[in-house]
Protein backbone atom coordinates (compact mmCIF):
# COMPACT_ATOMS: atom_id res chain seq x y z
CA MET A 1 38.64 -35.55 -53.72
CA PHE A 2 37.03 -33.67 -51.18
CA LEU A 3 36.96 -30.54 -49.68
CA LEU A 4 38.06 -28.82 -46.69
CA ARG A 5 36.26 -25.17 -45.75
CA LYS A 6 36.79 -23.21 -42.76
CA ASP A 7 34.15 -23.30 -39.87
CA ALA A 8 33.31 -19.46 -38.67
CA SER A 9 32.25 -21.02 -35.52
CA ASP A 10 35.89 -23.42 -34.98
CA THR A 11 38.69 -21.67 -33.51
CA LYS A 12 41.20 -24.31 -34.49
CA GLY A 13 40.15 -23.18 -38.36
CA MET A 14 39.80 -25.97 -40.81
CA GLU A 15 37.49 -28.86 -39.88
CA ARG A 16 38.83 -32.20 -39.94
CA LYS A 17 38.22 -35.17 -42.13
CA CYS A 18 38.50 -38.81 -41.28
CA PHE A 19 38.09 -41.61 -43.65
CA LYS A 20 38.02 -45.45 -42.31
CA THR A 21 39.20 -48.11 -44.22
CA GLU A 22 38.89 -51.79 -43.11
CA THR A 23 42.56 -53.34 -43.14
CA PRO A 24 43.96 -57.28 -42.52
CA GLU A 25 46.78 -57.57 -40.53
CA ASP A 26 49.97 -56.53 -41.43
CA THR A 27 49.06 -54.40 -44.42
CA ASN A 28 51.01 -51.91 -45.51
CA LEU A 29 48.73 -48.61 -46.69
CA ILE A 30 50.29 -46.41 -49.09
CA VAL A 31 48.49 -42.74 -48.91
CA ASN A 32 48.90 -40.12 -51.76
CA TYR A 33 47.42 -36.73 -51.26
CA LYS A 34 47.60 -33.33 -52.83
CA VAL A 35 46.50 -30.22 -51.42
CA GLU A 36 45.21 -27.25 -53.14
CA GLU A 37 43.70 -23.46 -52.24
CA TYR A 38 40.30 -24.41 -54.24
CA ASP A 39 37.73 -21.09 -55.15
CA PRO A 40 33.72 -21.94 -55.92
CA PRO A 41 32.86 -19.35 -57.93
CA SER A 42 35.89 -19.96 -60.79
CA ASN A 43 35.84 -23.49 -59.59
CA ASN A 44 39.76 -23.53 -60.02
CA CYS A 45 42.37 -24.84 -57.90
CA THR A 46 46.11 -22.90 -57.26
CA ARG A 47 49.22 -24.13 -55.93
CA LEU A 48 49.97 -23.65 -52.29
CA PRO A 49 52.42 -22.19 -50.80
CA LYS A 50 55.32 -24.66 -50.14
CA ASN A 51 55.74 -23.78 -45.82
CA TYR A 52 51.43 -25.03 -46.22
CA GLU A 53 51.21 -28.05 -43.66
CA LEU A 54 48.52 -30.48 -43.43
CA HIS A 55 48.05 -32.60 -40.30
CA ILE A 56 47.77 -36.40 -40.65
CA GLU A 57 47.06 -38.63 -37.77
CA VAL A 58 46.16 -42.29 -38.23
CA THR A 59 44.68 -44.71 -35.23
CA ASP A 60 43.86 -47.69 -35.61
CA ASN A 61 40.37 -49.23 -34.16
CA ASP A 62 40.58 -48.92 -30.41
CA ASP A 63 41.22 -44.83 -31.10
CA LYS A 64 45.54 -45.59 -30.40
CA ILE A 65 47.33 -43.18 -32.52
CA PHE A 66 50.36 -44.83 -34.39
CA LEU A 67 51.05 -41.57 -36.51
CA SER A 68 50.25 -37.54 -35.86
CA ARG A 69 52.36 -35.61 -37.92
CA ASP A 70 52.86 -32.34 -39.85
CA TYR A 71 53.02 -32.89 -43.99
CA PRO A 72 53.40 -30.92 -46.96
CA ALA A 73 50.78 -29.77 -49.07
CA GLU A 74 51.70 -32.55 -51.50
CA SER A 75 53.39 -36.14 -50.37
CA ARG A 76 53.28 -39.56 -49.79
CA ILE A 77 53.04 -41.24 -46.53
CA THR A 78 53.56 -45.25 -46.04
CA PHE A 79 52.88 -47.27 -43.24
CA THR A 80 52.32 -51.01 -41.89
CA VAL A 81 48.89 -51.67 -40.10
CA PHE A 82 50.22 -55.18 -37.75
CA ARG A 83 46.62 -55.42 -36.37
CA GLU A 84 43.52 -56.63 -38.96
CA GLY A 85 40.60 -53.90 -38.14
CA ASP A 86 39.53 -50.18 -39.10
CA THR A 87 42.06 -47.87 -39.73
CA SER A 88 41.18 -43.92 -39.48
CA ILE A 89 43.51 -41.36 -41.49
CA CYS A 90 42.22 -37.79 -40.06
CA LEU A 91 43.69 -34.76 -42.42
CA SER A 92 43.31 -31.29 -40.88
CA SER A 93 44.63 -27.88 -42.28
CA LYS A 94 48.06 -26.19 -40.02
CA ASN A 95 47.46 -23.11 -41.82
CA PRO A 96 43.51 -22.12 -40.48
CA ASN A 97 43.07 -18.25 -41.57
CA LYS A 98 45.14 -18.17 -44.79
CA PHE A 99 42.46 -20.26 -47.02
CA LYS A 100 38.58 -20.61 -47.39
CA TRP A 101 38.73 -23.66 -49.14
CA LEU A 102 41.07 -26.51 -49.91
CA ARG A 103 40.91 -28.92 -52.33
CA VAL A 104 42.28 -32.59 -51.39
CA HIS A 105 42.98 -35.28 -53.59
CA LEU A 106 43.49 -38.22 -51.77
CA ASP A 107 44.72 -42.40 -53.15
CA ILE A 108 44.59 -44.88 -50.48
CA GLN A 109 46.45 -48.23 -51.44
CA ALA A 110 46.56 -51.13 -49.51
CA LYS A 111 48.76 -54.07 -50.23
CA THR A 112 49.41 -57.09 -48.03
CA SER A 113 53.61 -57.90 -46.80
CA ASN A 114 55.06 -60.12 -49.01
CA GLU A 115 55.45 -63.01 -46.05
CA ASN A 116 51.43 -63.00 -46.28
CA THR A 117 51.74 -63.36 -50.16
CA LEU A 118 54.18 -65.94 -50.21
CA LYS A 119 52.60 -67.74 -47.37
CA GLU A 120 49.35 -67.67 -48.86
CA ARG A 121 51.31 -68.86 -52.45
CA LYS A 122 53.01 -71.97 -50.46
CA MET A 123 49.62 -72.45 -49.46
CA ASP A 124 47.97 -73.25 -52.67
CA THR A 125 51.14 -74.35 -54.10
CA MET A 126 51.04 -77.07 -51.07
CA LEU A 127 46.88 -77.55 -51.49
CA LEU A 128 47.36 -78.23 -55.33
CA ARG A 129 50.03 -81.00 -54.57
CA VAL A 130 47.90 -82.64 -51.89
CA ARG A 131 45.08 -82.78 -54.50
CA GLN A 132 47.22 -83.87 -56.91
CA LEU A 133 48.41 -86.77 -54.79
CA LEU A 134 44.58 -87.26 -53.70
CA ASP A 135 43.86 -87.94 -57.10
CA GLN A 136 46.38 -90.13 -57.53
CA ALA A 137 45.78 -92.26 -54.76
CA GLU A 138 42.39 -91.98 -56.19
CA GLN A 139 43.40 -93.87 -59.78
CA ILE A 140 45.76 -96.44 -58.07
CA LYS A 141 43.05 -97.47 -55.85
CA LYS A 142 40.62 -98.15 -59.08
CA GLU A 143 43.41 -100.14 -61.07
CA GLN A 144 43.71 -102.02 -57.83
CA ASN A 145 40.14 -102.31 -57.43
CA TYR A 146 40.05 -104.03 -60.96
CA LEU A 147 43.34 -105.67 -60.58
CA ARG A 148 41.76 -107.75 -58.03
CA TYR A 149 38.13 -107.63 -60.55
CA ARG A 150 40.47 -109.47 -63.31
CA GLU A 151 41.78 -111.86 -60.52
CA PHE A 152 38.84 -113.53 -59.43
CA ASN A 153 36.98 -113.42 -62.96
CA PHE A 154 40.39 -115.39 -64.32
CA GLN A 155 40.38 -118.73 -61.75
């Protein structure tokens, strides 16, 4: 949760807040947010009108914009990051003159794609099977050495 405030020297109105998150490749990012008008003296929040818009811009670590849209005061955004690196999520108000303070509740969740998860599980299963086979081969080798030893002593 953070606050956006109107800056008197900024003609665009509300300040822009950016958050960076490091993401592996092929990661689904889910961003849930809610914006409310905030009154510092009373420490109260009120709902914003339905026509309120928040501009959200998402860039990769090369500052290439792959999402730039206006959204309502409360929403959920889902997108996929295809390259590994820092992803920036920037928020700014589209209604600069109406509200002095805004409180923003932000929840960012990163989930790897199902393909990666399945590949990791298959790899883990394969590694486990390889270890089992190596252990089994080691056991057979020990048994053969023991049989050779017994044959040698029997003669």
